[in-house]
C-alpha atoms as a PDB file:
ATOM      1  CA  MET A   1      84.782 134.562  98.083  1.00  0.00           C
ATOM      2  CA  ARG A   2      81.094 133.999  98.212  1.00  0.00           C
ATOM      3  CA  LEU A   3      80.590 134.601 102.000  1.00  0.00           C
ATOM      4  CA  ARG A   4      82.235 137.760 101.556  1.00  0.00           C
ATOM      5  CA  LEU A   5      79.736 138.397  97.983  1.00  0.00           C
ATOM      6  CA  GLY A   6      76.764 137.292 100.220  1.00  0.00           C
ATOM      7  CA  ILE A   7      77.666 139.927 103.409  1.00  0.00           C
ATOM      8  CA  TRP A   8      78.606 142.645 100.492  1.00  0.00           C
ATOM      9  CA  TYR A   9      74.907 142.231  99.330  1.00  0.00           C
ATOM     10  CA  GLY A  10      73.818 142.677 102.852  1.00  0.00           C
ATOM     11  CA  VAL A  11      75.278 145.164 103.343  1.00  0.00           C
ATOM     12  CA  VAL A  12      74.390 147.414  99.995  1.00  0.00           C
ATOM     13  CA  ALA A  13      70.823 146.417 100.901  1.00  0.00           C
ATOM     14  CA  VAL A  14      70.938 147.891 104.570  1.00  0.00           C
ATOM     15  CA  VAL A  15      73.010 151.178 102.896  1.00  0.00           C
ATOM     16  CA  ALA A  16      70.063 151.397 100.218  1.00  0.00           C
ATOM     17  CA  GLY A  17      67.272 151.202 103.446  1.00  0.00           C
ATOM     18  CA  THR A  18      69.264 153.717 105.141  1.00  0.00           C
ATOM     19  CA  LEU A  19      69.512 156.406 101.877  1.00  0.00           C
ATOM     20  CA  GLY A  20      65.959 155.468 101.701  1.00  0.00           C
ATOM     21  CA  LEU A  21      64.989 157.203 104.655  1.00  0.00           C
ATOM     22  CA  VAL A  22      67.226 159.859 103.948  1.00  0.00           C
ATOM     23  CA  LEU A  23      65.525 160.794 100.392  1.00  0.00           C
ATOM     24  CA  PRO A  24      61.900 160.934 100.977  1.00  0.00           C
ATOM     25  CA  ARG A  25      61.857 159.578  97.001  1.00  0.00           C
ATOM     26  CA  TRP A  26      62.988 156.201  98.178  1.00  0.00           C
ATOM     27  CA  TRP A  27      60.454 155.339 100.095  1.00  0.00           C
ATOM     28  CA  LEU A  28      58.796 153.009  97.766  1.00  0.00           C
ATOM     29  CA  THR A  29      61.618 150.975  96.789  1.00  0.00           C
ATOM     30  CA  ILE A  30      62.835 150.381 100.432  1.00  0.00           C
ATOM     31  CA  PRO A  31      60.723 147.294 101.041  1.00  0.00           C
ATOM     32  CA  VAL A  32      61.803 145.830  97.872  1.00  0.00           C
ATOM     33  CA  VAL A  33      65.669 146.665  97.982  1.00  0.00           C
ATOM     34  CA  ILE A  34      65.983 145.225 101.935  1.00  0.00           C
ATOM     35  CA  VAL A  35      63.697 142.399 101.112  1.00  0.00           C
ATOM     36  CA  GLY A  36      65.754 141.441  97.683  1.00  0.00           C
ATOM     37  CA  GLY A  37      69.076 142.459  99.310  1.00  0.00           C
ATOM     38  CA  MET A  38      68.435 139.825 102.243  1.00  0.00           C
ATOM     39  CA  GLY A  39      67.564 137.134  99.964  1.00  0.00           C
ATOM     40  CA  LEU A  40      70.562 137.718  97.554  1.00  0.00           C
ATOM     41  CA  GLY A  41      72.853 137.793 100.174  1.00  0.00           C
ATOM     42  CA  TYR A  42      71.451 134.697 102.181  1.00  0.00           C
ATOM     43  CA  TYR A  43      71.121 132.757  99.070  1.00  0.00           C
ATOM     44  CA  VAL A  44      74.658 133.301  98.153  1.00  0.00           C
ATOM     45  CA  ALA A  45      75.704 132.781 101.744  1.00  0.00           C
ATOM     46  CA  GLY A  46      74.137 129.747 101.681  1.00  0.00           C
ATOM     47  CA  ARG A  47      75.788 128.331  98.360  1.00  0.00           C
ATOM     48  CA  ALA A  48      79.328 129.501 100.170  1.00  0.00           C
ATOM     49  CA  LEU A  49      78.417 127.466 103.583  1.00  0.00           C
ATOM     50  CA  ARG A  50      77.208 124.511 101.285  1.00  0.00           C
ATOM     51  CA  PRO A  51      80.416 122.936 101.797  1.00  0.00           C
ATOM     52  CA  LEU A  52      81.012 123.257 105.271  1.00  0.00           C
ATOM     53  CA  HIS A  53      77.487 121.326 105.654  1.00  0.00           C
ATOM     54  CA  ASP A  54      79.725 118.617 103.633  1.00  0.00           C
ATOM     55  CA  VAL A  55      82.141 118.698 105.939  1.00  0.00           C
ATOM     56  CA  THR A  56      79.594 118.158 108.822  1.00  0.00           C
ATOM     57  CA  ALA A  57      77.752 115.737 107.266  1.00  0.00           C
ATOM     58  CA  THR A  58      81.272 113.556 106.478  1.00  0.00           C
ATOM     59  CA  ALA A  59      82.659 114.048 110.101  1.00  0.00           C
ATOM     60  CA  ARG A  60      78.998 112.792 111.351  1.00  0.00           C
ATOM     61  CA  ARG A  61      79.104 109.535 109.537  1.00  0.00           C
ATOM     62  CA  LEU A  62      82.411 108.916 110.096  1.00  0.00           C
ATOM     63  CA  SER A  63      83.511 105.350 111.604  1.00  0.00           C
ATOM     64  CA  ALA A  64      86.064 102.328 111.624  1.00  0.00           C
ATOM     65  CA  GLU A  65      84.239 101.038 108.551  1.00  0.00           C
ATOM     66  CA  THR A  66      83.686 104.431 106.629  1.00  0.00           C
ATOM     67  CA  PHE A  67      87.180 105.935 106.394  1.00  0.00           C
ATOM     68  CA  ASP A  68      87.123 105.730 102.988  1.00  0.00           C
ATOM     69  CA  GLU A  69      84.767 108.922 102.536  1.00  0.00           C
ATOM     70  CA  ARG A  70      85.757 112.236 101.452  1.00  0.00           C
ATOM     71  CA  ILE A  71      84.777 115.520 100.928  1.00  0.00           C
ATOM     72  CA  ARG A  72      86.232 115.882  97.740  1.00  0.00           C
ATOM     73  CA  HIS A  73      84.941 119.268  96.537  1.00  0.00           C
ATOM     74  CA  ASP A  74      85.264 120.776  93.615  1.00  0.00           C
ATOM     75  CA  GLY A  75      84.101 124.017  93.550  1.00  0.00           C
ATOM     76  CA  PRO A  76      86.051 127.106  92.919  1.00  0.00           C
ATOM     77  CA  ASP A  77      89.864 127.981  94.766  1.00  0.00           C
ATOM     78  CA  ASP A  78      88.927 129.500  97.790  1.00  0.00           C
ATOM     79  CA  GLU A  79      88.772 129.252 101.464  1.00  0.00           C
ATOM     80  CA  ILE A  80      85.958 126.166 101.459  1.00  0.00           C
ATOM     81  CA  HIS A  81      87.885 124.503  98.863  1.00  0.00           C
ATOM     82  CA  GLU A  82      90.728 125.016 100.704  1.00  0.00           C
ATOM     83  CA  LEU A  83      89.320 123.466 104.285  1.00  0.00           C
ATOM     84  CA  ALA A  84      87.741 120.571 102.209  1.00  0.00           C
ATOM     85  CA  GLY A  85      91.224 119.485 100.949  1.00  0.00           C
ATOM     86  CA  THR A  86      92.600 119.754 104.187  1.00  0.00           C
ATOM     87  CA  PHE A  87      89.945 117.703 106.032  1.00  0.00           C
ATOM     88  CA  ASP A  88      90.404 115.093 103.004  1.00  0.00           C
ATOM     89  CA  ASP A  89      94.036 115.340 103.814  1.00  0.00           C
ATOM     90  CA  MET A  90      93.179 114.867 107.824  1.00  0.00           C
ATOM     91  CA  LEU A  91      91.438 111.825 107.036  1.00  0.00           C
ATOM     92  CA  ASP A  92      93.922 110.653 104.730  1.00  0.00           C
ATOM     93  CA  ARG A  93      96.417 110.842 107.538  1.00  0.00           C
ATOM     94  CA  ILE A  94      93.802 109.106 109.970  1.00  0.00           C
ATOM     95  CA  SER A  95      92.978 105.730 108.349  1.00  0.00           C
ATOM     96  CA  SER A  96      96.363 105.917 106.914  1.00  0.00           C
ATOM     97  CA  ALA A  97      97.280 105.265 111.384  1.00  0.00           C
ATOM     98  CA  PHE A  98      93.984 103.223 111.652  1.00  0.00           C
ATOM     99  CA  GLU A  99      95.202 100.823 109.262  1.00  0.00           C
ATOM    100  CA  ALA A 100      98.501 100.525 110.882  1.00  0.00           C
ATOM    101  CA  GLN A 101      97.038  99.569 114.081  1.00  0.00           C
ATOM    102  CA  LYS A 102      95.302  97.081 113.127  1.00  0.00           C
ATOM    103  CA  ARG A 103      97.954  95.442 111.223  1.00  0.00           C
ATOM    104  CA  PHE A 104     100.203  95.700 114.417  1.00  0.00           C
ATOM    105  CA  VAL A 105      96.793  94.186 116.770  1.00  0.00           C
ATOM    106  CA  ALA A 106      96.784  91.165 114.250  1.00  0.00           C
ATOM    107  CA  ASN A 107     100.413  90.795 113.913  1.00  0.00           C
ATOM    108  CA  ALA A 108     101.183  91.247 117.604  1.00  0.00           C
ATOM    109  CA  SER A 109      98.000  88.453 118.257  1.00  0.00           C
ATOM    110  CA  HIS A 110      99.724  86.433 115.974  1.00  0.00           C
ATOM    111  CA  GLU A 111     103.190  86.071 117.259  1.00  0.00           C
ATOM    112  CA  LEU A 112     101.636  85.869 120.727  1.00  0.00           C
ATOM    113  CA  ARG A 113      99.606  82.879 119.305  1.00  0.00           C
ATOM    114  CA  THR A 114     102.553  80.945 118.171  1.00  0.00           C
ATOM    115  CA  PRO A 115     104.588  80.312 121.566  1.00  0.00           C
ATOM    116  CA  LEU A 116     101.169  79.811 123.443  1.00  0.00           C
ATOM    117  CA  ALA A 117      99.976  77.283 120.639  1.00  0.00           C
ATOM    118  CA  VAL A 118     103.944  75.160 120.795  1.00  0.00           C
ATOM    119  CA  MET A 119     103.171  75.270 125.089  1.00  0.00           C
ATOM    120  CA  ARG A 120      99.599  73.732 124.166  1.00  0.00           C
ATOM    121  CA  THR A 121     100.857  71.587 122.371  1.00  0.00           C
ATOM    122  CA  GLU A 122     104.088  70.101 124.195  1.00  0.00           C
ATOM    123  CA  ILE A 123     101.665  69.716 127.286  1.00  0.00           C
ATOM    124  CA  ASP A 124      98.650  67.982 125.196  1.00  0.00           C
ATOM    125  CA  VAL A 125     101.094  65.351 123.689  1.00  0.00           C
ATOM    126  CA  THR A 126     103.437  64.854 126.590  1.00  0.00           C
ATOM    127  CA  THR A 127     100.290  64.309 129.259  1.00  0.00           C
ATOM    128  CA  SER A 128      97.762  62.404 127.094  1.00  0.00           C
ATOM    129  CA  ASP A 129     101.000  59.927 126.424  1.00  0.00           C
ATOM    130  CA  PRO A 130     100.535  56.956 129.439  1.00  0.00           C
ATOM    131  CA  ASP A 131     103.853  55.620 129.235  1.00  0.00           C
ATOM    132  CA  ALA A 132     106.183  59.232 129.165  1.00  0.00           C
ATOM    133  CA  ASP A 133     109.072  59.332 131.712  1.00  0.00           C
ATOM    134  CA  ILE A 134     110.528  61.958 133.670  1.00  0.00           C
ATOM    135  CA  ASP A 135     113.151  62.528 130.123  1.00  0.00           C
ATOM    136  CA  GLU A 136     110.003  63.279 128.343  1.00  0.00           C
ATOM    137  CA  TYR A 137     108.742  65.309 130.979  1.00  0.00           C
ATOM    138  CA  ARG A 138     111.953  67.305 130.903  1.00  0.00           C
ATOM    139  CA  ARG A 139     111.801  67.734 127.525  1.00  0.00           C
ATOM    140  CA  MET A 140     108.426  68.792 127.672  1.00  0.00           C
ATOM    141  CA  ALA A 141     109.713  71.471 130.488  1.00  0.00           C
ATOM    142  CA  GLU A 142     112.474  72.898 128.034  1.00  0.00           C
ATOM    143  CA  VAL A 143     109.990  73.223 125.158  1.00  0.00           C
ATOM    144  CA  VAL A 144     107.892  75.225 127.062  1.00  0.00           C
ATOM    145  CA  ARG A 145     110.265  77.146 128.563  1.00  0.00           C
ATOM    146  CA  GLY A 146     111.794  78.514 125.446  1.00  0.00           C
ATOM    147  CA  ALA A 147     108.435  79.489 124.402  1.00  0.00           C
ATOM    148  CA  THR A 148     107.611  81.260 127.265  1.00  0.00           C
ATOM    149  CA  SER A 149     110.784  83.180 127.052  1.00  0.00           C
ATOM    150  CA  ARG A 150     109.977  83.911 123.745  1.00  0.00           C
ATOM    151  CA  ALA A 151     106.340  85.200 124.401  1.00  0.00           C
ATOM    152  CA  GLY A 152     108.204  87.368 127.843  1.00  0.00           C
ATOM    153  CA  ASP A 153     110.486  88.649 125.194  1.00  0.00           C
ATOM    154  CA  LEU A 154     107.639  89.647 122.659  1.00  0.00           C
ATOM    155  CA  ILE A 155     105.387  91.290 125.651  1.00  0.00           C
ATOM    156  CA  GLU A 156     108.909  93.533 126.757  1.00  0.00           C
ATOM    157  CA  GLY A 157     109.285  94.504 123.324  1.00  0.00           C
ATOM    158  CA  LEU A 158     105.480  95.791 122.892  1.00  0.00           C
ATOM    159  CA  LEU A 159     105.861  97.195 126.555  1.00  0.00           C
ATOM    160  CA  LEU A 160     108.803  99.275 125.547  1.00  0.00           C
ATOM    161  CA  LEU A 161     107.630 100.341 122.353  1.00  0.00           C
ATOM    162  CA  ALA A 162     104.432 101.920 123.774  1.00  0.00           C
ATOM    163  CA  ARG A 163     106.302 103.661 126.672  1.00  0.00           C
ATOM    164  CA  THR A 164     108.665 104.996 123.925  1.00  0.00           C
ATOM    165  CA  GLU A 165     105.797 106.634 122.338  1.00  0.00           C
ATOM    166  CA  ILE A 166     104.582 107.885 124.697  1.00  0.00           C
ATOM    167  CA  GLU A 167     107.603 109.787 125.284  1.00  0.00           C
ATOM    168  CA  ILE A 168     107.106 110.772 121.882  1.00  0.00           C
ATOM    169  CA  ALA A 169     104.278 112.690 122.931  1.00  0.00           C
ATOM    170  CA  ARG A 170     105.872 113.509 125.801  1.00  0.00           C
ATOM    171  CA  ARG A 171     109.033 114.788 124.522  1.00  0.00           C
ATOM    172  CA  LEU A 172     110.553 112.902 126.734  1.00  0.00           C
ATOM    173  CA  THR A 173     110.216 112.852 130.493  1.00  0.00           C
ATOM    174  CA  THR A 174     113.708 112.085 131.417  1.00  0.00           C
ATOM    175  CA  ARG A 175     116.056 114.968 129.739  1.00  0.00           C
ATOM    176  CA  VAL A 176     119.456 114.756 131.291  1.00  0.00           C
ATOM    177  CA  PRO A 177     123.760 115.216 129.605  1.00  0.00           C
ATOM    178  CA  THR A 178     124.629 112.344 128.565  1.00  0.00           C
ATOM    179  CA  ASP A 179     126.905 110.645 125.075  1.00  0.00           C
ATOM    180  CA  LEU A 180     125.881 108.911 122.167  1.00  0.00           C
ATOM    181  CA  GLY A 181     129.165 106.781 121.981  1.00  0.00           C
ATOM    182  CA  GLU A 182     129.189 106.223 125.988  1.00  0.00           C
ATOM    183  CA  CYS A 183     125.689 104.949 125.352  1.00  0.00           C
ATOM    184  CA  ALA A 184     127.063 101.923 122.497  1.00  0.00           C
ATOM    185  CA  SER A 185     129.370 101.196 124.500  1.00  0.00           C
ATOM    186  CA  GLY A 186     127.415 100.187 127.375  1.00  0.00           C
ATOM    187  CA  ALA A 187     125.702  97.739 124.777  1.00  0.00           C
ATOM    188  CA  ILE A 188     128.908  96.808 122.905  1.00  0.00           C
ATOM    189  CA  VAL A 189     129.795  95.292 126.250  1.00  0.00           C
ATOM    190  CA  SER A 190     126.933  93.184 126.667  1.00  0.00           C
ATOM    191  CA  ALA A 191     127.093  91.937 123.305  1.00  0.00           C
ATOM    192  CA  GLN A 192     130.827  91.029 122.840  1.00  0.00           C
ATOM    193  CA  ARG A 193     130.462  87.597 123.991  1.00  0.00           C
ATOM    194  CA  LEU A 194     127.490  86.410 121.718  1.00  0.00           C
ATOM    195  CA  ALA A 195     129.585  88.055 118.597  1.00  0.00           C
ATOM    196  CA  ASP A 196     132.791  86.187 120.060  1.00  0.00           C
ATOM    197  CA  GLU A 197     130.514  82.801 119.734  1.00  0.00           C
ATOM    198  CA  LEU A 198     129.117  83.391 116.752  1.00  0.00           C
ATOM    199  CA  GLY A 199     133.035  84.006 115.327  1.00  0.00           C
ATOM    200  CA  LEU A 200     132.270  87.925 114.406  1.00  0.00           C
ATOM    201  CA  ALA A 201     134.297  90.207 114.451  1.00  0.00           C
ATOM    202  CA  MET A 202     133.601  93.855 115.651  1.00  0.00           C
ATOM    203  CA  ALA A 203     135.559  97.331 115.056  1.00  0.00           C
ATOM    204  CA  THR A 204     134.208 100.232 117.471  1.00  0.00           C
ATOM    205  CA  SER A 205     135.217 103.765 116.863  1.00  0.00           C
ATOM    206  CA  MET A 206     133.762 105.872 119.822  1.00  0.00           C
ATOM    207  CA  MET A 207     134.500 109.633 119.768  1.00  0.00           C
ATOM    208  CA  PRO A 208     132.381 112.215 121.987  1.00  0.00           C
ATOM    209  CA  ALA A 209     128.647 112.965 120.579  1.00  0.00           C
ATOM    210  CA  PRO A 210     126.969 114.966 123.444  1.00  0.00           C
ATOM    211  CA  VAL A 211     123.337 114.552 123.444  1.00  0.00           C
ATOM    212  CA  ILE A 212     120.327 114.996 125.742  1.00  0.00           C
ATOM    213  CA  GLY A 213     117.925 112.797 126.493  1.00  0.00           C
ATOM    214  CA  ASP A 214     117.339 109.514 128.430  1.00  0.00           C
ATOM    215  CA  PRO A 215     120.256 107.448 128.539  1.00  0.00           C
ATOM    216  CA  SER A 216     118.563 103.979 129.398  1.00  0.00           C
ATOM    217  CA  LEU A 217     116.429 104.719 126.190  1.00  0.00           C
ATOM    218  CA  LEU A 218     119.470 105.534 124.261  1.00  0.00           C
ATOM    219  CA  GLU A 219     121.413 102.250 125.300  1.00  0.00           C
ATOM    220  CA  ARG A 220     118.455 100.156 124.355  1.00  0.00           C
ATOM    221  CA  LEU A 221     118.805 102.357 121.074  1.00  0.00           C
ATOM    222  CA  ALA A 222     122.469 100.828 120.376  1.00  0.00           C
ATOM    223  CA  GLY A 223     121.572  97.660 121.913  1.00  0.00           C
ATOM    224  CA  ASN A 224     118.683  96.845 119.461  1.00  0.00           C
ATOM    225  CA  LEU A 225     121.272  98.149 116.823  1.00  0.00           C
ATOM    226  CA  ILE A 226     123.950  95.954 117.590  1.00  0.00           C
ATOM    227  CA  GLU A 227     121.792  92.909 118.292  1.00  0.00           C
ATOM    228  CA  ASN A 228     120.335  92.948 114.513  1.00  0.00           C
ATOM    229  CA  ALA A 229     123.791  93.439 113.353  1.00  0.00           C
ATOM    230  CA  ILE A 230     124.798  90.245 114.979  1.00  0.00           C
ATOM    231  CA  ARG A 231     121.209  88.532 113.889  1.00  0.00           C
ATOM    232  CA  HIS A 232     120.946  89.399 110.473  1.00  0.00           C
ATOM    233  CA  ASN A 233     125.112  88.590 109.863  1.00  0.00           C
ATOM    234  CA  VAL A 234     126.854  85.512 108.092  1.00  0.00           C
ATOM    235  CA  PRO A 235     129.600  83.155 109.942  1.00  0.00           C
ATOM    236  CA  GLY A 236     132.505  84.764 109.906  1.00  0.00           C
ATOM    237  CA  GLY A 237     131.218  88.055 109.306  1.00  0.00           C
ATOM    238  CA  ARG A 238     132.160  91.555 110.979  1.00  0.00           C
ATOM    239  CA  LEU A 239     129.837  94.023 112.251  1.00  0.00           C
ATOM    240  CA  TRP A 240     131.187  97.577 112.764  1.00  0.00           C
ATOM    241  CA  VAL A 241     129.774 100.307 115.596  1.00  0.00           C
ATOM    242  CA  LEU A 242     131.074 104.002 115.188  1.00  0.00           C
ATOM    243  CA  ALA A 243     130.110 107.436 117.015  1.00  0.00           C
ATOM    244  CA  GLY A 244     130.847 111.011 116.775  1.00  0.00           C
ATOM    245  CA  ALA A 245     129.481 114.835 116.167  1.00  0.00           C
ATOM    246  CA  HIS A 246     129.421 116.590 113.510  1.00  0.00           C
ATOM    247  CA  SER A 247     128.831 120.966 114.049  1.00  0.00           C
ATOM    248  CA  THR A 248     124.848 120.520 114.628  1.00  0.00           C
ATOM    249  CA  ALA A 249     124.459 116.678 115.802  1.00  0.00           C
ATOM    250  CA  ALA A 250     125.412 113.396 117.640  1.00  0.00           C
ATOM    251  CA  TRP A 251     125.729 110.411 115.254  1.00  0.00           C
ATOM    252  CA  MET A 252     126.039 106.826 115.614  1.00  0.00           C
ATOM    253  CA  VAL A 253     126.730 104.134 112.693  1.00  0.00           C
ATOM    254  CA  VAL A 254     126.024 100.461 112.947  1.00  0.00           C
ATOM    255  CA  GLY A 255     126.661  98.341 109.965  1.00  0.00           C
ATOM    256  CA  ASN A 256     127.204  94.531 109.476  1.00  0.00           C
ATOM    257  CA  THR A 257     128.045  92.045 106.760  1.00  0.00           C
ATOM    258  CA  GLY A 258     125.068  89.626 105.820  1.00  0.00           C
ATOM    259  CA  SER A 259     122.955  88.433 103.096  1.00  0.00           C
ATOM    260  CA  ASP A 260     121.605  90.979 100.046  1.00  0.00           C
ATOM    261  CA  VAL A 261     118.703  93.407 101.388  1.00  0.00           C
ATOM    262  CA  GLU A 262     116.686  94.904  98.092  1.00  0.00           C
ATOM    263  CA  ALA A 263     116.878  98.840  98.365  1.00  0.00           C
ATOM    264  CA  ASP A 264     113.111  98.687  98.184  1.00  0.00           C
ATOM    265  CA  ALA A 265     113.106  96.794 101.348  1.00  0.00           C
ATOM    266  CA  VAL A 266     114.822  98.837 103.129  1.00  0.00           C
ATOM    267  CA  PRO A 267     112.607 101.352 104.490  1.00  0.00           C
ATOM    268  CA  THR A 268     109.951  98.403 105.393  1.00  0.00           C
ATOM    269  CA  LEU A 269     112.585  97.234 108.272  1.00  0.00           C
ATOM    270  CA  PHE A 270     111.282  99.547 111.080  1.00  0.00           C
ATOM    271  CA  GLU A 271     107.761  98.566 111.079  1.00  0.00           C
ATOM    272  CA  PRO A 272     107.033  96.311 113.562  1.00  0.00           C
ATOM    273  CA  PHE A 273     107.136  92.381 113.741  1.00  0.00           C
ATOM    274  CA  THR A 274     109.674  92.438 110.245  1.00  0.00           C
ATOM    275  CA  ARG A 275     112.633  90.520 110.168  1.00  0.00           C
ATOM    276  CA  GLY A 276     114.475  91.483 107.399  1.00  0.00           C
ATOM    277  CA  GLY A 277     114.897  88.115 105.729  1.00  0.00           C
ATOM    278  CA  VAL A 278     116.263  85.132 106.543  1.00  0.00           C
ATOM    279  CA  GLU A 279     118.387  85.107 109.861  1.00  0.00           C
ATOM    280  CA  ARG A 280     121.625  83.495 109.156  1.00  0.00           C
ATOM    281  CA  VAL A 281     123.456  83.485 112.850  1.00  0.00           C
ATOM    282  CA  GLY A 282     121.588  84.220 115.856  1.00  0.00           C
ATOM    283  CA  ALA A 283     118.350  83.309 117.114  1.00  0.00           C
ATOM    284  CA  ARG A 284     114.826  84.462 116.058  1.00  0.00           C
ATOM    285  CA  GLY A 285     113.808  87.362 117.447  1.00  0.00           C
ATOM    286  CA  ALA A 286     110.422  89.434 118.318  1.00  0.00           C
ATOM    287  CA  GLY A 287     110.790  91.788 114.886  1.00  0.00           C
ATOM    288  CA  LEU A 288     110.431  94.656 117.028  1.00  0.00           C
ATOM    289  CA  GLY A 289     113.829  96.009 117.624  1.00  0.00           C
ATOM    290  CA  LEU A 290     114.234  98.704 114.613  1.00  0.00           C
ATOM    291  CA  SER A 291     110.638  99.663 115.419  1.00  0.00           C
ATOM    292  CA  ILE A 292     112.042 100.867 118.873  1.00  0.00           C
ATOM    293  CA  VAL A 293     114.987 102.116 117.570  1.00  0.00           C
ATOM    294  CA  ARG A 294     112.626 104.692 115.613  1.00  0.00           C
ATOM    295  CA  ALA A 295     110.563 105.109 118.224  1.00  0.00           C
ATOM    296  CA  VAL A 296     113.547 106.617 120.387  1.00  0.00           C
ATOM    297  CA  VAL A 297     115.330 108.607 117.708  1.00  0.00           C
ATOM    298  CA  ALA A 298     112.145 110.521 117.458  1.00  0.00           C
ATOM    299  CA  ALA A 299     111.734 110.773 120.954  1.00  0.00           C
ATOM    300  CA  HIS A 300     114.872 112.738 121.094  1.00  0.00           C
ATOM    301  CA  GLY A 301     114.123 114.742 117.761  1.00  0.00           C
ATOM    302  CA  GLY A 302     116.703 112.929 115.447  1.00  0.00           C
ATOM    303  CA  THR A 303     116.940 110.807 112.540  1.00  0.00           C
ATOM    304  CA  VAL A 304     117.633 107.079 111.738  1.00  0.00           C
ATOM    305  CA  THR A 305     118.408 105.914 108.294  1.00  0.00           C
ATOM    306  CA  ALA A 306     119.527 102.756 106.596  1.00  0.00           C
ATOM    307  CA  HIS A 307     120.945 101.641 103.428  1.00  0.00           C
ATOM    308  CA  ALA A 308     122.038  98.318 101.846  1.00  0.00           C
ATOM    309  CA  LEU A 309     125.579  97.820 101.417  1.00  0.00           C
ATOM    310  CA  PRO A 310     126.502  96.735  97.758  1.00  0.00           C
ATOM    311  CA  ASP A 311     129.442  94.913  97.921  1.00  0.00           C
ATOM    312  CA  GLY A 312     128.962  91.745  99.959  1.00  0.00           C
ATOM    313  CA  GLY A 313     125.381  92.396 101.448  1.00  0.00           C
ATOM    314  CA  GLY A 314     124.742  93.567 104.886  1.00  0.00           C
ATOM    315  CA  LEU A 315     123.469  96.939 105.902  1.00  0.00           C
ATOM    316  CA  GLU A 316     124.687  99.813 107.703  1.00  0.00           C
ATOM    317  CA  PHE A 317     122.106 102.372 109.951  1.00  0.00           C
ATOM    318  CA  ARG A 318     123.081 106.273 110.718  1.00  0.00           C
ATOM    319  CA  VAL A 319     121.420 107.578 113.712  1.00  0.00           C
ATOM    320  CA  GLU A 320     121.458 111.277 114.280  1.00  0.00           C
ATOM    321  CA  ILE A 321     120.455 113.248 117.173  1.00  0.00           C
ATOM    322  CA  PRO A 322     120.673 116.662 117.146  1.00  0.00           C
ATOM    323  CA  LEU A 323     123.779 118.550 119.514  1.00  0.00           C
ATOM    324  CA  PRO A 324     122.481 120.014 123.218  1.00  0.00           C
ATOM    325  CA  PRO A 325     122.303 123.775 122.883  1.00  0.00           C
ATOM    326  CA  PRO A 326     125.251 126.063 124.114  1.00  0.00           C
ATOM    327  CA  GLU A 327     125.369 126.523 127.781  1.00  0.00           C
ATOM    328  CA  GLY A 328     123.392 129.670 128.641  1.00  0.00           C
ATOM    329  CA  VAL A 329     120.612 128.830 125.492  1.00  0.00           C
ATOM    330  CA  VAL A 330     117.576 127.630 126.733  1.00  0.00           C
ATOM    331  CA  GLY A 331     116.361 124.923 124.408  1.00  0.00           C
ATOM    332  CA  ASP A 332     113.015 124.140 123.714  1.00  0.00           C
END
């Protein structure tokens, strides 16, 4: 608004000067009107543009250590105020993402350090023992193999998570007609033996659930949810996998019995390296499974939600992915 006022004063000065040229009796006031109008316009425009200089100065000062700086413009509610507010909001989002990345790197480093420390300790202890026999070396080899397998699973999970997040930006490089239920069925076959070994009862119901997407990623999505339902279960517990479609989306539900989960803790389960409490059965995972689920769902333009079951404990996850457009209709 003030910028427009400054320009208006400049226009007035020009008009006044023009009138002075037309009306000779104004010739003595021409210099005063022109200089005064230009000066006032320059002053008002300068005050109006000052917040823009503040935005520029703040942007130049920003670094990894100064993400807490903000414009916090307290002027009138005009276009400049809106711009400064938008800039501050953008900095808030960037700061949150930056902090999340720092936590992710720190957690990943910690997770990788653990199996490496186990291997180093086992090797040092065994090789420093002059009386170690072949059985001791075989025991060391088994421990090292287990730690190596854990580190390999973690690295594979990190690579898959990175690949999936790239797919989000690309809007999926593989987009073919597939069925969410069929993708889940493949994962169920792989998980059935482990469920049987742990004495878990699995119930399934697969109805048509057509989607457009990457079948390998969707099968991994289903596999991670089913594996999570097995890991976080109780001896003799149950899990269920359902799939179908409604008017706008294909859906899949994976639920399980298990220990009680606080409702406030449910949203954090999708964060990397979150394991959701103590595992009752199954092996300890890397804590990336649900983060990969969230990334795969986002890459397909869908949603994933979770809620704690009130009776007997456990969780239920629901994935929804938009249905393909009707034949003859081209999507985005």
